[in-house]
N, C-alpha and C. Protein backbone atom coordinates (compact mmCIF):
# COMPACT_ATOMS: atom_id res chain seq x y z
N MET A 1 209.61 70.48 222.39
CA MET A 1 210.22 70.89 223.36
C MET A 1 210.82 72.60 223.88
N PRO A 2 210.03 73.60 224.61
CA PRO A 2 210.88 74.79 224.48
C PRO A 2 212.59 75.13 224.00
N GLU A 3 213.16 76.16 223.39
CA GLU A 3 214.14 75.74 223.46
C GLU A 3 214.56 76.46 224.68
N GLN A 4 216.11 75.96 225.36
CA GLN A 4 216.41 76.90 226.33
C GLN A 4 217.90 77.88 225.79
N PRO A 5 216.90 78.84 226.55
CA PRO A 5 217.98 80.22 226.23
C PRO A 5 219.48 80.19 226.99
N ASP A 6 219.95 80.69 226.32
CA ASP A 6 221.08 81.45 225.95
C ASP A 6 221.30 81.79 227.18
N GLY A 7 222.89 81.95 227.80
CA GLY A 7 222.93 82.71 229.39
C GLY A 7 223.80 81.99 230.84
N PRO A 8 223.68 82.34 231.44
CA PRO A 8 224.49 81.36 232.41
C PRO A 8 223.68 79.77 233.17
N HIS A 9 222.37 79.84 232.17
CA HIS A 9 221.90 78.81 232.77
C HIS A 9 221.47 77.59 231.18
N GLY A 10 222.56 78.64 230.78
CA GLY A 10 221.98 77.64 228.82
C GLY A 10 223.27 76.77 228.62
N PRO A 11 222.57 76.36 227.29
CA PRO A 11 223.71 76.16 226.71
C PRO A 11 225.07 76.91 226.46
N ASP A 12 225.00 77.88 226.02
CA ASP A 12 226.12 78.87 225.98
C ASP A 12 226.63 79.59 227.45
N GLY A 13 225.64 79.30 228.01
CA GLY A 13 226.27 79.73 229.63
C GLY A 13 227.44 78.59 230.18
N ALA A 14 226.71 77.55 230.17
CA ALA A 14 227.62 76.24 230.87
C ALA A 14 228.97 76.31 229.70
N ALA A 15 228.78 75.87 228.33
CA ALA A 15 230.09 75.92 227.68
C ALA A 15 230.64 77.09 228.49
N THR A 16 229.93 78.46 228.45
CA THR A 16 231.44 79.82 228.80
C THR A 16 231.62 79.29 230.07
N ALA A 17 231.01 78.76 230.76
CA ALA A 17 231.62 78.34 232.77
C ALA A 17 232.88 76.97 232.18
N THR A 18 232.67 76.12 231.68
CA THR A 18 233.43 75.04 231.28
C THR A 18 234.35 75.92 230.69
N ALA A 19 234.77 76.52 230.09
CA ALA A 19 235.87 77.54 228.98
C ALA A 19 236.48 77.85 229.95
N LYS A 20 235.45 78.89 231.15
CA LYS A 20 236.78 79.30 232.66
C LYS A 20 237.40 78.25 232.81
N GLU A 21 237.11 77.38 233.35
CA GLU A 21 236.71 76.21 234.34
C GLU A 21 238.31 75.71 234.07
N GLN A 22 238.75 74.90 232.55
CA GLN A 22 239.59 74.59 231.72
C GLN A 22 240.69 75.86 231.98
N PRO A 23 240.76 76.73 232.18
CA PRO A 23 242.39 76.88 232.63
C PRO A 23 242.72 76.78 234.07
N ARG A 24 241.58 76.90 234.66
CA ARG A 24 242.20 76.66 235.74
C ARG A 24 242.74 75.65 236.72
N ARG A 25 242.07 74.68 235.92
CA ARG A 25 242.45 73.22 236.36
C ARG A 25 243.94 72.87 235.14
N ARG A 26 244.01 73.83 233.88
CA ARG A 26 245.53 73.78 234.02
C ARG A 26 246.41 74.64 234.12
N GLN A 27 246.34 75.11 235.29
CA GLN A 27 246.73 76.32 236.21
C GLN A 27 247.48 75.25 237.51
N ALA A 28 246.12 74.72 237.98
CA ALA A 28 246.58 73.64 239.04
C ALA A 28 247.23 72.88 238.71
N ARG A 29 247.12 72.07 237.41
CA ARG A 29 247.76 70.75 236.82
C ARG A 29 249.40 71.26 236.69
N GLY A 30 249.43 72.45 236.36
CA GLY A 30 251.01 72.84 236.29
C GLY A 30 251.68 73.02 237.47
N GLU A 31 251.13 73.83 238.53
CA GLU A 31 251.49 74.49 239.58
C GLU A 31 251.45 72.91 240.39
N ARG A 32 250.99 72.11 240.25
CA ARG A 32 250.89 70.19 241.26
C ARG A 32 252.85 70.26 240.50
N ARG A 33 253.30 70.23 239.31
CA ARG A 33 254.20 70.05 237.80
C ARG A 33 254.95 70.41 239.06
N ILE A 34 255.06 71.99 238.75
CA ILE A 34 256.08 72.49 239.46
C ILE A 34 256.77 72.34 240.71
N GLN A 35 255.61 72.40 241.43
CA GLN A 35 256.15 72.03 242.99
C GLN A 35 256.33 70.74 242.44
N GLN A 36 256.65 69.01 242.27
CA GLN A 36 256.81 68.21 241.82
C GLN A 36 258.41 68.24 241.40
N LEU A 37 258.32 69.30 240.71
CA LEU A 37 259.78 69.30 240.40
C LEU A 37 260.77 69.79 240.77
N LEU A 38 260.40 70.70 241.77
CA LEU A 38 261.36 71.66 242.55
C LEU A 38 261.40 71.18 243.84
N GLU A 39 260.68 70.12 244.16
CA GLU A 39 260.64 69.07 245.51
C GLU A 39 261.93 67.99 245.21
N ALA A 40 261.90 67.36 243.40
CA ALA A 40 262.32 66.36 243.65
C ALA A 40 264.05 67.53 243.03
N ALA A 41 264.12 68.75 242.43
CA ALA A 41 265.07 69.14 242.30
C ALA A 41 266.32 69.28 244.33
N ALA A 42 265.03 69.72 245.23
CA ALA A 42 265.70 69.65 246.76
C ALA A 42 266.80 68.79 246.81
N SER A 43 265.70 67.33 246.51
CA SER A 43 266.25 66.16 246.58
C SER A 43 268.17 65.99 246.13
N VAL A 44 268.22 66.60 244.81
CA VAL A 44 269.42 66.50 243.83
C VAL A 44 270.52 67.41 244.13
N PHE A 45 270.13 68.73 244.60
CA PHE A 45 270.45 69.28 245.16
C PHE A 45 272.10 69.09 246.20
N CYS A 46 270.51 68.28 247.37
CA CYS A 46 271.36 68.40 248.57
C CYS A 46 272.15 67.02 248.55
N THR A 47 271.60 66.16 247.35
CA THR A 47 272.99 64.86 247.69
C THR A 47 273.91 65.13 245.99
N SER A 48 273.74 65.40 245.45
CA SER A 48 274.86 65.72 244.47
C SER A 48 275.23 66.98 244.47
N GLY A 49 274.70 67.95 245.34
CA GLY A 49 274.83 69.85 245.02
C GLY A 49 274.92 70.32 244.35
N TYR A 50 274.38 72.20 244.22
CA TYR A 50 274.58 72.32 242.65
C TYR A 50 275.24 72.37 241.45
N THR A 51 276.52 72.32 241.72
CA THR A 51 277.56 72.39 240.86
C THR A 51 276.93 70.88 239.80
N ALA A 52 276.95 69.96 240.74
CA ALA A 52 276.71 68.56 239.44
C ALA A 52 275.86 67.86 239.42
N ALA A 53 274.54 68.76 240.09
CA ALA A 53 273.18 68.36 239.58
C ALA A 53 273.20 68.58 238.18
N SER A 54 271.75 67.95 237.57
CA SER A 54 272.04 68.44 236.50
C SER A 54 269.95 68.13 236.23
N THR A 55 269.61 68.66 234.73
CA THR A 55 268.35 68.86 234.45
C THR A 55 268.11 67.12 234.46
N ASN A 56 268.56 66.03 233.90
CA ASN A 56 268.18 65.03 233.77
C ASN A 56 268.27 63.70 235.01
N ALA A 57 268.97 64.92 236.02
CA ALA A 57 268.99 63.91 237.25
C ALA A 57 267.76 63.98 237.49
N ILE A 58 267.46 65.57 237.64
CA ILE A 58 265.71 66.26 238.81
C ILE A 58 264.60 65.38 237.45
N ALA A 59 265.01 65.59 235.90
CA ALA A 59 263.26 64.71 235.64
C ALA A 59 263.75 63.43 236.06
N ARG A 60 264.61 62.25 236.53
CA ARG A 60 264.23 61.21 236.67
C ARG A 60 264.13 61.19 238.09
N GLU A 61 264.56 62.07 238.97
CA GLU A 61 263.92 61.90 240.51
C GLU A 61 262.87 62.40 240.78
N ALA A 62 262.24 63.43 239.49
CA ALA A 62 260.82 63.89 239.77
C ALA A 62 259.86 62.65 238.95
N GLY A 63 260.63 62.02 238.13
CA GLY A 63 259.63 60.71 237.29
C GLY A 63 258.64 61.30 236.04
N VAL A 64 260.13 61.72 235.35
CA VAL A 64 259.53 63.13 234.03
C VAL A 64 260.14 62.86 233.46
N SER A 65 260.30 63.09 232.26
CA SER A 65 260.80 63.01 230.63
C SER A 65 261.80 64.97 231.00
N PRO A 66 262.54 64.84 230.22
CA PRO A 66 263.08 66.33 230.46
C PRO A 66 262.19 66.89 229.48
N GLY A 67 262.22 66.55 228.33
CA GLY A 67 260.60 67.36 227.58
C GLY A 67 259.85 68.36 228.31
N THR A 68 259.45 67.52 229.77
CA THR A 68 258.34 68.40 231.09
C THR A 68 259.15 68.96 231.36
N LEU A 69 259.98 68.91 231.60
CA LEU A 69 260.65 69.65 233.02
C LEU A 69 260.85 70.81 231.87
N TYR A 70 261.82 70.85 231.13
CA TYR A 70 261.70 71.98 229.77
C TYR A 70 260.38 72.87 229.83
N GLN A 71 259.51 71.88 229.73
CA GLN A 71 258.10 73.04 229.65
C GLN A 71 257.80 73.97 231.28
N PHE A 72 258.46 74.05 231.71
CA PHE A 72 257.85 74.86 232.53
C PHE A 72 259.87 75.31 233.01
N PHE A 73 260.91 74.66 233.44
CA PHE A 73 262.35 75.45 233.52
C PHE A 73 263.35 74.99 232.12
N PRO A 74 263.71 75.95 231.73
CA PRO A 74 264.99 76.60 230.56
C PRO A 74 266.25 75.28 231.38
N ASN A 75 266.54 76.04 232.36
CA ASN A 75 267.83 74.99 232.68
C ASN A 75 267.74 75.15 234.17
N LYS A 76 268.55 74.71 235.31
CA LYS A 76 269.41 74.53 236.05
C LYS A 76 268.74 75.82 237.02
N GLU A 77 269.74 76.73 236.43
CA GLU A 77 269.60 77.40 237.33
C GLU A 77 268.66 78.05 237.79
N ALA A 78 267.59 78.29 236.43
CA ALA A 78 266.00 78.15 236.48
C ALA A 78 265.10 78.14 238.16
N ILE A 79 265.35 76.68 238.15
CA ILE A 79 265.12 76.00 238.82
C ILE A 79 265.26 75.94 240.13
N ALA A 80 266.78 76.87 240.63
CA ALA A 80 267.39 77.20 241.81
C ALA A 80 266.74 78.18 242.14
N VAL A 81 267.16 78.96 241.46
CA VAL A 81 265.85 80.83 241.50
C VAL A 81 265.08 80.32 241.93
N GLU A 82 264.01 79.64 241.51
CA GLU A 82 262.36 79.29 241.87
C GLU A 82 262.41 79.10 243.26
N LEU A 83 263.26 77.82 243.57
CA LEU A 83 263.78 77.28 244.74
C LEU A 83 263.69 77.85 245.87
N GLY A 84 264.91 78.82 245.17
CA GLY A 84 265.20 79.81 246.44
C GLY A 84 264.80 80.49 246.49
N ASP A 85 263.87 81.21 245.99
CA ASP A 85 262.34 82.58 245.95
C ASP A 85 262.03 82.01 247.11
N ARG A 86 261.17 80.50 246.77
CA ARG A 86 260.20 80.10 247.71
C ARG A 86 260.34 79.85 248.99
N LEU A 87 261.86 79.89 249.24
CA LEU A 87 261.90 78.75 250.20
C LEU A 87 262.73 80.47 250.93
N MET A 88 263.03 81.81 250.61
CA MET A 88 263.40 82.50 250.91
C MET A 88 262.18 83.53 251.32
N HIS A 89 261.10 83.43 250.79
CA HIS A 89 259.93 83.92 251.12
C HIS A 89 259.59 82.97 252.48
N ASP A 90 259.62 81.72 252.92
CA ASP A 90 259.02 81.51 254.17
C ASP A 90 259.81 81.90 255.27
N LEU A 91 261.49 81.99 254.70
CA LEU A 91 262.42 81.76 255.71
C LEU A 91 262.02 83.13 256.09
N ARG A 92 261.26 84.47 255.53
CA ARG A 92 260.97 85.67 256.75
C ARG A 92 260.07 85.61 257.02
N ASP A 93 259.01 84.37 256.55
CA ASP A 93 257.73 84.66 257.41
C ASP A 93 258.24 83.88 258.96
N THR A 94 259.95 82.97 258.81
CA THR A 94 260.32 82.48 260.19
C THR A 94 260.60 82.84 260.77
N TYR A 95 261.14 84.10 260.65
CA TYR A 95 262.49 84.94 260.84
C TYR A 95 261.05 86.21 261.92
N GLY A 96 260.38 86.24 261.04
CA GLY A 96 259.04 87.25 262.17
C GLY A 96 258.77 86.68 263.10
N GLU A 97 258.52 85.34 262.98
CA GLU A 97 258.05 84.32 264.51
C GLU A 97 258.93 84.40 265.66
N ALA A 98 260.44 83.62 264.53
CA ALA A 98 261.45 83.69 265.96
C ALA A 98 262.01 84.93 266.56
N LEU A 99 262.01 85.79 265.52
CA LEU A 99 262.87 87.33 266.66
C LEU A 99 261.53 88.14 266.93
N ALA A 100 260.30 88.06 267.07
CA ALA A 100 258.54 88.49 267.81
C ALA A 100 259.84 89.74 268.95
N PRO A 101 259.49 90.34 269.14
CA PRO A 101 259.46 90.88 271.17
C PRO A 101 258.99 89.96 271.67
N ILE A 102 259.64 89.91 272.77
CA ILE A 102 260.00 88.89 273.79
C ILE A 102 259.26 89.70 275.11
N ALA A 103 257.98 88.40 274.87
CA ALA A 103 257.43 88.71 276.53
C ALA A 103 258.02 89.24 277.30
N PRO A 104 257.15 90.25 278.44
CA PRO A 104 258.14 90.17 279.72
C PRO A 104 258.01 88.71 280.79
N GLY A 105 259.16 88.61 281.45
CA GLY A 105 259.15 87.43 282.39
C GLY A 105 259.58 86.87 281.71
N THR A 106 259.79 86.60 280.69
CA THR A 106 260.70 85.34 280.14
C THR A 106 261.97 85.12 280.08
N SER A 107 262.69 84.19 280.54
CA SER A 107 264.17 84.35 280.74
C SER A 107 265.08 84.24 279.10
N LEU A 108 265.83 84.45 279.77
CA LEU A 108 267.11 84.83 278.55
C LEU A 108 266.63 83.57 278.41
N THR A 109 267.60 81.99 278.63
CA THR A 109 267.69 80.84 278.14
C THR A 109 266.34 80.53 277.30
N ASP A 110 264.77 80.41 278.10
CA ASP A 110 264.20 80.22 277.42
C ASP A 110 263.85 81.55 275.55
N ALA A 111 264.70 82.66 275.89
CA ALA A 111 264.06 83.62 274.00
C ALA A 111 264.99 82.83 273.62
N VAL A 112 266.01 82.47 273.71
CA VAL A 112 267.42 81.98 273.36
C VAL A 112 266.59 80.92 272.41
N GLY A 113 265.99 80.10 273.42
CA GLY A 113 265.32 78.81 273.14
C GLY A 113 264.61 78.88 271.91
N ALA A 114 263.99 79.04 271.99
CA ALA A 114 262.55 79.65 271.68
C ALA A 114 262.90 79.98 269.42
N THR A 115 263.82 81.04 269.73
CA THR A 115 264.79 81.66 268.82
C THR A 115 264.93 80.31 267.54
N VAL A 116 265.92 79.85 268.72
CA VAL A 116 267.42 78.78 267.94
C VAL A 116 265.78 77.72 267.78
N ASP A 117 265.10 77.23 268.32
CA ASP A 117 264.33 75.84 267.78
C ASP A 117 263.24 75.98 266.49
N ARG A 118 263.06 77.64 265.74
CA ARG A 118 261.97 77.87 265.23
C ARG A 118 262.99 77.88 263.99
N LEU A 119 264.44 78.55 264.19
CA LEU A 119 265.21 78.83 263.16
C LEU A 119 265.66 77.63 262.33
N THR A 120 266.08 76.12 263.59
CA THR A 120 266.74 75.41 263.69
C THR A 120 265.86 74.15 262.67
N ALA A 121 264.04 74.42 263.06
CA ALA A 121 263.57 73.75 262.35
C ALA A 121 263.27 74.08 260.93
N PHE A 122 263.40 75.33 260.61
CA PHE A 122 262.96 75.77 258.75
C PHE A 122 264.19 74.80 258.17
N ASN A 123 265.49 74.80 258.66
CA ASN A 123 266.25 74.03 258.04
C ASN A 123 266.97 73.15 257.92
N THR A 124 266.19 72.41 259.10
CA THR A 124 266.10 70.40 259.27
C THR A 124 264.84 70.08 258.03
N GLU A 125 263.60 70.89 258.45
CA GLU A 125 262.93 70.62 257.19
C GLU A 125 263.19 70.69 255.98
N HIS A 126 264.38 72.33 255.73
CA HIS A 126 264.47 72.44 254.43
C HIS A 126 266.00 72.24 254.13
N PRO A 127 267.04 71.00 254.70
CA PRO A 127 268.29 71.43 253.87
C PRO A 127 268.52 71.87 253.12
N VAL A 128 267.91 72.16 251.89
CA VAL A 128 268.46 72.61 250.05
C VAL A 128 268.92 73.53 250.79
N PHE A 129 267.92 74.50 251.75
CA PHE A 129 268.16 75.65 252.07
C PHE A 129 269.92 76.04 251.89
N PHE A 130 270.56 75.77 253.15
CA PHE A 130 271.88 75.75 253.36
C PHE A 130 273.10 74.85 252.12
N ALA A 131 272.04 74.28 251.23
CA ALA A 131 273.52 73.44 250.14
C ALA A 131 272.98 74.60 249.45
N LEU A 132 272.78 75.03 248.96
CA LEU A 132 271.83 76.52 247.90
C LEU A 132 272.74 77.33 248.18
N MET A 133 273.02 78.33 249.44
CA MET A 133 273.11 79.49 250.02
C MET A 133 275.18 78.57 249.95
N HIS A 134 274.98 78.10 250.36
CA HIS A 134 276.92 77.17 251.12
C HIS A 134 277.43 76.80 249.74
N GLY A 135 276.80 76.51 248.60
CA GLY A 135 277.48 75.85 247.53
C GLY A 135 278.67 76.79 246.52
N PRO A 136 279.53 76.50 245.99
CA PRO A 136 280.77 76.64 245.85
C PRO A 136 280.25 77.59 244.45
N ASP A 137 278.96 77.40 244.01
CA ASP A 137 278.67 77.79 242.21
C ASP A 137 277.35 78.48 242.36
N VAL A 138 276.87 79.31 243.09
CA VAL A 138 275.49 79.11 243.72
C VAL A 138 275.12 80.27 242.87
N PRO A 139 274.04 80.65 242.06
CA PRO A 139 273.36 81.64 240.65
C PRO A 139 273.23 82.61 241.16
N GLY A 140 273.81 83.85 241.08
CA GLY A 140 273.74 84.80 240.98
C GLY A 140 272.22 85.41 241.64
N GLY A 141 271.37 85.56 241.20
CA GLY A 141 269.96 85.62 241.91
C GLY A 141 270.03 85.12 243.19
N ILE A 142 270.00 84.61 242.96
CA ILE A 142 269.87 83.67 244.57
C ILE A 142 271.00 84.41 245.35
N THR A 143 272.06 84.81 244.67
CA THR A 143 273.11 85.06 245.64
C THR A 143 272.76 86.59 246.41
N GLU A 144 272.64 87.28 245.36
CA GLU A 144 271.76 88.57 245.66
C GLU A 144 270.77 88.66 246.50
N ALA A 145 269.66 87.69 246.83
CA ALA A 145 268.24 87.83 247.77
C ALA A 145 268.81 87.78 248.88
N HIS A 146 270.06 86.08 249.11
CA HIS A 146 270.04 85.47 250.03
C HIS A 146 270.40 87.41 250.99
N ASP A 147 271.68 87.70 250.16
CA ASP A 147 272.25 89.01 250.61
C ASP A 147 271.31 90.03 251.83
N ALA A 148 269.97 89.70 250.88
CA ALA A 148 269.19 91.51 251.59
C ALA A 148 268.85 90.72 251.95
N LEU A 149 268.41 88.82 252.38
CA LEU A 149 268.02 88.48 253.78
C LEU A 149 268.83 88.86 254.40
N HIS A 150 270.11 88.36 254.57
CA HIS A 150 270.80 88.44 255.21
C HIS A 150 270.99 89.80 256.92
N THR A 151 270.93 90.72 255.54
CA THR A 151 271.02 91.84 255.95
C THR A 151 269.63 92.10 257.14
N ASN A 152 268.05 91.93 256.12
CA ASN A 152 267.09 91.74 257.27
C ASN A 152 267.42 91.00 258.25
N LEU A 153 267.42 90.45 258.77
CA LEU A 153 267.60 89.47 259.17
C LEU A 153 268.61 90.23 260.65
N LEU A 154 269.93 90.97 259.87
CA LEU A 154 270.97 91.20 261.18
C LEU A 154 270.12 92.31 261.72
N GLY A 155 268.98 93.46 261.01
CA GLY A 155 268.56 94.38 261.34
C GLY A 155 267.27 93.98 262.56
N ARG A 156 266.93 92.42 262.06
CA ARG A 156 265.77 92.50 263.08
C ARG A 156 266.38 91.36 264.76
N ILE A 157 267.67 91.19 264.76
CA ILE A 157 268.24 90.99 265.64
C ILE A 157 268.68 92.15 266.58
N GLU A 158 269.53 93.06 265.77
CA GLU A 158 270.04 94.56 266.38
C GLU A 158 268.89 94.73 267.09
N GLY A 159 267.97 94.87 266.77
CA GLY A 159 266.57 95.81 267.31
C GLY A 159 265.81 95.23 267.92
N LEU A 160 265.95 93.60 268.43
CA LEU A 160 265.37 92.96 269.37
C LEU A 160 266.37 93.17 270.26
N LEU A 161 268.08 93.31 269.90
CA LEU A 161 268.68 93.14 271.66
C LEU A 161 268.17 94.95 271.62
N ALA A 162 268.70 95.71 270.53
CA ALA A 162 268.42 97.56 271.36
C ALA A 162 266.80 97.06 272.76
N SER A 163 265.89 96.76 272.12
CA SER A 163 264.87 96.50 272.70
C SER A 163 264.69 96.44 274.44
N LEU A 164 266.45 95.48 274.59
CA LEU A 164 266.54 94.82 275.74
C LEU A 164 267.07 95.91 276.59
N LEU A 165 268.10 96.75 276.00
CA LEU A 165 269.09 97.50 276.64
C LEU A 165 268.54 99.29 276.55
N PRO A 166 269.25 100.07 278.19
CA PRO A 166 268.74 101.37 278.29
C PRO A 166 269.15 101.94 276.15
N PRO A 167 268.55 103.10 276.43
CA PRO A 167 268.48 103.82 275.09
C PRO A 167 269.72 104.08 274.58
N ASP A 168 270.63 104.73 276.06
CA ASP A 168 271.90 105.00 275.02
C ASP A 168 272.91 104.28 275.18
N ALA A 169 272.93 102.70 275.32
CA ALA A 169 273.59 101.98 274.98
C ALA A 169 273.73 101.89 273.47
N ASP A 170 275.29 101.33 273.73
CA ASP A 170 276.15 101.46 272.13
C ASP A 170 276.12 101.19 271.12
N LYS A 171 275.28 102.04 270.27
CA LYS A 171 274.64 100.96 268.76
C LYS A 171 275.92 99.92 267.97
N ALA A 172 277.06 100.20 268.16
CA ALA A 172 278.11 99.77 267.53
C ALA A 172 278.81 98.39 268.67
N HIS A 173 278.58 98.29 270.16
CA HIS A 173 278.71 97.21 270.32
C HIS A 173 277.22 96.07 270.08
N ILE A 174 276.45 96.97 269.99
CA ILE A 174 274.79 95.92 269.40
C ILE A 174 275.03 95.68 267.99
N THR A 175 275.83 96.20 267.09
CA THR A 175 275.38 95.99 265.97
C THR A 175 276.36 94.32 266.19
N ARG A 176 277.78 94.41 266.73
CA ARG A 176 278.86 93.82 266.87
C ARG A 176 278.23 92.28 267.70
N THR A 177 277.42 92.42 268.25
CA THR A 177 276.83 91.27 269.39
C THR A 177 275.69 90.99 268.02
N ALA A 178 275.20 91.54 267.94
CA ALA A 178 274.25 90.70 266.25
C ALA A 178 274.97 89.77 265.27
N HIS A 179 276.21 90.62 264.82
CA HIS A 179 276.86 89.59 263.74
C HIS A 179 277.52 88.75 264.63
N VAL A 180 278.11 88.61 265.91
CA VAL A 180 278.79 87.55 266.39
C VAL A 180 277.30 86.63 266.70
N SER A 181 276.02 86.60 267.23
CA SER A 181 275.08 86.01 267.98
C SER A 181 275.26 85.35 266.24
N LEU A 182 275.12 85.81 265.46
CA LEU A 182 274.08 84.91 264.06
C LEU A 182 275.42 84.31 263.25
N GLY A 183 276.38 84.49 263.48
CA GLY A 183 277.61 83.86 263.92
C GLY A 183 277.90 82.71 263.83
N ILE A 184 278.14 82.87 264.99
CA ILE A 184 278.08 81.36 265.85
C ILE A 184 276.83 80.91 265.46
N TYR A 185 275.15 81.01 265.14
CA TYR A 185 274.05 80.20 265.05
C TYR A 185 274.30 79.26 263.48
N LYS A 186 275.00 80.10 263.07
CA LYS A 186 275.54 79.67 260.95
C LYS A 186 277.03 78.46 261.47
N ALA A 187 277.74 78.78 262.37
CA ALA A 187 278.63 77.66 262.34
C ALA A 187 277.86 76.08 263.06
N GLY A 188 277.09 76.54 264.14
CA GLY A 188 276.69 75.78 264.83
C GLY A 188 275.62 74.47 264.17
N LEU A 189 275.33 75.49 262.86
CA LEU A 189 273.98 74.90 262.27
C LEU A 189 274.25 73.75 260.88
N GLU A 190 275.37 74.05 260.79
CA GLU A 190 276.44 73.65 259.62
C GLU A 190 276.41 71.57 260.41
N LEU A 191 277.19 72.17 261.57
CA LEU A 191 276.77 70.81 262.65
C LEU A 191 275.53 69.97 262.83
N VAL A 192 274.67 70.59 262.81
CA VAL A 192 273.48 70.24 263.39
C VAL A 192 272.37 69.60 261.92
N LEU A 193 272.87 69.87 261.00
CA LEU A 193 272.31 69.30 259.54
C LEU A 193 273.39 68.30 259.12
N GLY A 194 274.76 68.17 260.00
CA GLY A 194 275.14 66.90 259.72
C GLY A 194 274.82 65.56 260.47
N HIS A 195 274.48 65.96 261.63
CA HIS A 195 273.61 64.80 262.45
C HIS A 195 271.93 64.66 262.35
N GLU A 196 271.81 63.60 263.22
CA GLU A 196 270.64 62.95 263.20
C GLU A 196 269.78 62.37 264.21
N GLY A 197 269.21 62.60 264.49
CA GLY A 197 268.12 61.75 265.86
C GLY A 197 268.52 62.73 267.17
N ALA A 198 269.01 62.00 268.22
CA ALA A 198 269.90 62.73 269.34
C ALA A 198 270.72 63.58 269.54
N GLU A 199 272.05 62.92 268.61
CA GLU A 199 272.86 63.61 268.58
C GLU A 199 272.62 65.52 267.52
N ARG A 200 271.52 65.03 267.03
CA ARG A 200 271.55 66.57 266.29
C ARG A 200 271.22 67.50 267.16
N GLN A 201 269.94 66.89 268.19
CA GLN A 201 270.14 67.33 269.26
C GLN A 201 270.58 68.02 270.35
N ALA A 202 271.00 67.38 270.70
CA ALA A 202 272.56 67.73 270.99
C ALA A 202 273.28 69.07 271.08
N TYR A 203 273.92 68.90 269.90
CA TYR A 203 274.51 70.08 268.71
C TYR A 203 273.11 71.62 268.94
N ILE A 204 271.76 70.77 269.12
CA ILE A 204 271.01 72.40 269.16
C ILE A 204 271.15 73.07 270.61
N GLN A 205 271.46 71.94 270.93
CA GLN A 205 270.96 72.08 272.64
C GLN A 205 272.80 73.21 272.91
N GLU A 206 273.18 72.18 271.84
CA GLU A 206 274.90 73.35 272.62
C GLU A 206 274.94 74.89 272.00
N ILE A 207 274.44 74.82 270.31
CA ILE A 207 273.69 76.11 270.37
C ILE A 207 273.22 77.27 271.18
N LYS A 208 272.34 76.77 271.56
CA LYS A 208 271.69 77.60 273.16
C LYS A 208 272.74 78.03 274.01
N ASP A 209 273.35 77.12 274.29
CA ASP A 209 273.77 77.49 275.62
C ASP A 209 275.19 78.27 275.49
N VAL A 210 275.62 78.09 274.19
CA VAL A 210 276.76 78.93 273.43
C VAL A 210 275.66 80.82 273.79
N LEU A 211 274.74 80.61 272.86
CA LEU A 211 274.36 81.98 272.65
C LEU A 211 273.70 82.52 273.97
N THR A 212 273.71 82.08 275.12
CA THR A 212 272.46 82.16 275.84
C THR A 212 273.87 82.85 277.39
N ARG A 213 275.13 82.10 276.91
CA ARG A 213 276.41 82.34 278.18
C ARG A 213 276.60 83.61 277.33
N TYR A 214 276.66 83.92 275.81
CA TYR A 214 277.42 84.76 275.18
C TYR A 214 276.28 86.27 275.84
N LEU A 215 275.68 85.87 275.41
CA LEU A 215 274.27 87.05 275.84
C LEU A 215 274.08 87.37 277.32
N GLU A 216 274.61 86.59 278.21
CA GLU A 216 274.36 87.17 279.52
C GLU A 216 274.68 88.36 279.60
N PRO A 217 276.11 88.57 280.36
CA PRO A 217 277.09 89.55 280.26
C PRO A 217 275.82 91.22 280.04
N LEU A 218 275.70 90.80 278.61
CA LEU A 218 275.13 91.90 278.07
C LEU A 218 273.72 92.31 278.36
N VAL A 219 272.74 91.55 278.70
CA VAL A 219 271.53 91.59 278.58
C VAL A 219 271.06 91.43 280.43
N GLY A 220 271.97 90.92 280.49
CA GLY A 220 271.29 90.24 282.40
C GLY A 220 270.53 89.94 282.51
N ASP A 221 269.66 90.40 283.48
CA ASP A 221 268.14 89.30 284.08
C ASP A 221 267.20 90.20 282.89
N ARG A 222 267.45 91.17 282.59
CA ARG A 222 266.60 91.94 281.77
C ARG A 222 264.82 91.05 281.23
N LEU A 223 265.49 90.18 280.78
CA LEU A 223 264.16 89.21 280.31
C LEU A 223 264.18 88.58 281.56
N GLY A 224 265.07 88.73 282.58
CA GLY A 224 263.57 87.91 283.88
C GLY A 224 262.83 88.81 284.49
N ARG A 225 262.21 89.58 284.31
CA ARG A 225 261.86 90.78 285.37
C ARG A 225 260.40 90.94 285.01
N PRO A 226 259.48 90.62 285.48
CA PRO A 226 258.19 90.92 285.04
C PRO A 226 257.67 92.02 284.97
N ALA A 227 256.39 92.47 283.59
CA ALA A 227 255.83 93.17 283.21
C ALA A 227 255.49 94.19 284.51
N ASP A 228 255.68 94.84 285.22
CA ASP A 228 255.30 96.84 286.09
C ASP A 228 253.47 95.87 285.75
């Protein structure tokens, strides 16, 4: 039998391909394990709070040994920081969708409703985000990142409000309105997360109604006019 040539189709080529594939498989398994640990941590942080949570409790929730957990994270803070980073990345995308330019002809009620729906959907799907951001002992890295995200969100709200007003509108008033609007939403969000089902939906509607009535004197009918 003729000897198979070395290379991509010979014995050495096959061995090389297998060697390259193994690290990718290990990397995929590692990422699945990390995701498993983060989901377990989210559950524990929501149930116990960040301060009372422990790596042992997170490992139990994930169904792994503490030793397995320590292969990926050195401590509870590292888990919280990684979880917070991933959630804030997703939340930036949500902000972009929720605070996109408003189409001409859209009513203020519809615009506020769509924004509130997108933001509350993120927070109800990821209740751990609120638990981490408002806990008494949040890791410093998360606090700094959240402050930057908060500033970015306020800037987006100000920009959206400014786009609805005349160019000479008072900028200080726009800034105050953005702060108050976000404050109303955040205060209502705690009530939303504290309820389920129809009662949760009722609180979401209350937030929409309050924001709409607050913004009406400033925005007027500008959102309701069709495009020229």
